Structure formats: C-alpha cells, structure tokens
Protein backbone atom coordinates (compact mmCIF):
# COMPACT_ATOMS: atom_id res chain seq x y z
CA MET A 1 -23.88 -1.91 6.88
CA GLY A 2 -22.85 -1.07 10.40
CA ALA A 3 -18.86 -0.42 11.79
CA GLY A 4 -17.62 -3.46 12.71
CA ARG A 5 -14.78 -3.55 15.83
CA TYR A 6 -11.64 -5.75 15.06
CA GLU A 7 -9.05 -6.22 17.81
CA LEU A 8 -5.48 -5.69 16.58
CA GLU A 9 -2.21 -5.45 18.02
CA VAL A 10 -0.49 -2.17 18.28
CA ARG A 11 3.15 -1.97 18.51
CA GLN A 12 5.00 1.98 18.62
CA HIS A 13 8.69 1.19 17.97
CA LEU A 14 10.67 3.83 19.08
CA ASN A 15 11.84 6.12 15.94
CA GLY A 16 8.82 4.96 13.68
CA PRO A 17 5.69 4.66 12.99
CA LYS A 18 2.99 2.25 14.38
CA THR A 19 2.70 -0.95 13.15
CA TYR A 20 -0.44 -3.20 13.91
CA CYS A 21 -0.61 -6.90 13.38
CA VAL A 22 -3.27 -10.03 14.54
CA PRO A 23 -2.71 -10.67 18.26
CA GLY A 24 -0.32 -13.44 19.08
CA ARG A 25 1.50 -12.76 15.25
CA GLU A 26 3.95 -10.86 14.08
CA PRO A 27 3.15 -8.16 11.35
CA ASP A 28 3.37 -9.46 8.25
CA THR A 29 4.60 -7.72 5.28
CA ALA A 30 3.99 -7.74 1.88
CA ASP A 31 5.70 -11.16 1.41
CA THR A 32 4.25 -12.73 4.02
CA LEU A 33 1.08 -11.56 2.60
CA GLU A 34 1.46 -12.78 -1.02
CA SER A 35 2.85 -16.40 0.26
CA HIS A 36 -0.76 -16.99 1.89
CA GLY A 37 -2.71 -15.65 -1.09
CA LEU A 38 -3.87 -12.51 0.82
CA ILE A 39 -2.81 -10.16 -1.80
CA LYS A 40 -0.65 -10.17 -5.45
CA GLN A 41 2.43 -7.99 -6.33
CA GLU A 42 2.86 -6.95 -9.68
CA GLY A 43 5.79 -4.78 -9.73
CA LYS A 44 5.76 -1.26 -7.45
CA HIS A 45 1.54 -2.44 -7.51
CA ILE A 46 -0.45 -4.15 -4.77
CA VAL A 47 -4.09 -6.13 -5.83
CA VAL A 48 -5.23 -6.88 -2.51
CA LEU A 49 -7.21 -10.57 -2.96
CA LYS A 50 -8.83 -10.62 0.51
CA PRO A 51 -9.81 -7.20 1.50
CA ASP A 52 -11.83 -8.16 4.26
CA ASP A 53 -8.88 -10.17 5.56
CA LEU A 54 -7.86 -9.15 9.57
CA ARG A 55 -4.30 -9.77 8.64
CA VAL A 56 -4.38 -7.74 5.09
CA ILE A 57 -6.11 -5.05 7.27
CA ALA A 58 -3.36 -4.85 9.76
CA TRP A 59 -1.39 -3.92 6.90
CA GLN A 60 -2.59 -1.73 5.05
CA LEU A 61 -2.92 0.24 8.21
CA GLY A 62 0.60 -0.12 9.27
CA ALA A 63 1.62 1.01 5.94
CA ASN A 64 -0.56 4.38 5.86
CA GLU A 65 1.00 4.53 8.63
CA TYR A 66 4.82 4.54 7.67
CA CYS A 67 3.59 7.05 4.72
CA ARG A 68 1.78 9.64 6.83
CA ALA A 69 4.97 9.40 9.06
CA HIS A 70 7.31 10.16 6.06
CA GLY A 71 4.97 12.71 4.54
CA MET A 72 4.70 10.38 1.53
CA PRO A 73 1.02 9.70 -0.24
CA LEU A 74 -1.19 6.97 1.45
CA PRO A 75 -0.81 3.66 -0.13
CA PHE A 76 -4.76 2.94 0.99
CA PRO A 77 -6.72 5.91 1.15
CA ASP A 78 -9.76 3.76 1.70
CA LEU A 79 -8.66 3.05 4.56
CA ALA A 80 -7.19 6.80 5.96
CA ASP A 81 -10.86 7.56 8.03
CA VAL A 82 -10.52 4.19 9.89
CA GLN A 83 -10.88 4.79 13.72
CA VAL A 84 -8.11 3.02 16.11
CA THR A 85 -8.78 3.51 19.63
CA GLU A 86 -6.28 1.97 21.42
CA GLY A 87 -6.47 0.29 24.72
CA HIS A 88 -9.64 -1.26 25.92
C-alpha cells in the first residue's frame, strides 16, 4: 500500500502545540467526533470507529502534538511516524 497525501490545515498557537484540521473547518474535539459517530469515548479510553476519516486523523495528530509538547506519552503511537509537510 502506497503512502497517501492528504491536505490538512495546520494552526500554530502562540504558546501551544500545533493543531490540525480539515481545511475550512475548526479543529475537532473528542466530543465533536463522538457526536458524528467517528470515535467513542469509554472512560479515559478512545475507540476509533472510523480510522480513515480525515477529521479523525487530524485530531489524532493534534493530540500527539499536545502530548509531545507536554512530555506525555503519545495517545496514538501508530501515527508517530506520520510525515507532515507544511506549505506547498
């Protein structure tokens, strides 16, 4: 399976980690993704119901960035090696 290329919007906050979102949308939260049936929150655990959905991938990348910036374990280690290229 070849590597895919997806377009995401990257937002850098002044004193925080980057967030990712689908162009034209605000970054998703666990609550917004759950309300659309893309993930399910079970206590402190997240079950990803639609792993190929671009909104889910953007949210997972953002969660990893947040944890990386705060020295916490990555919640989605399978995406740790995803290459993000900024700009065109």
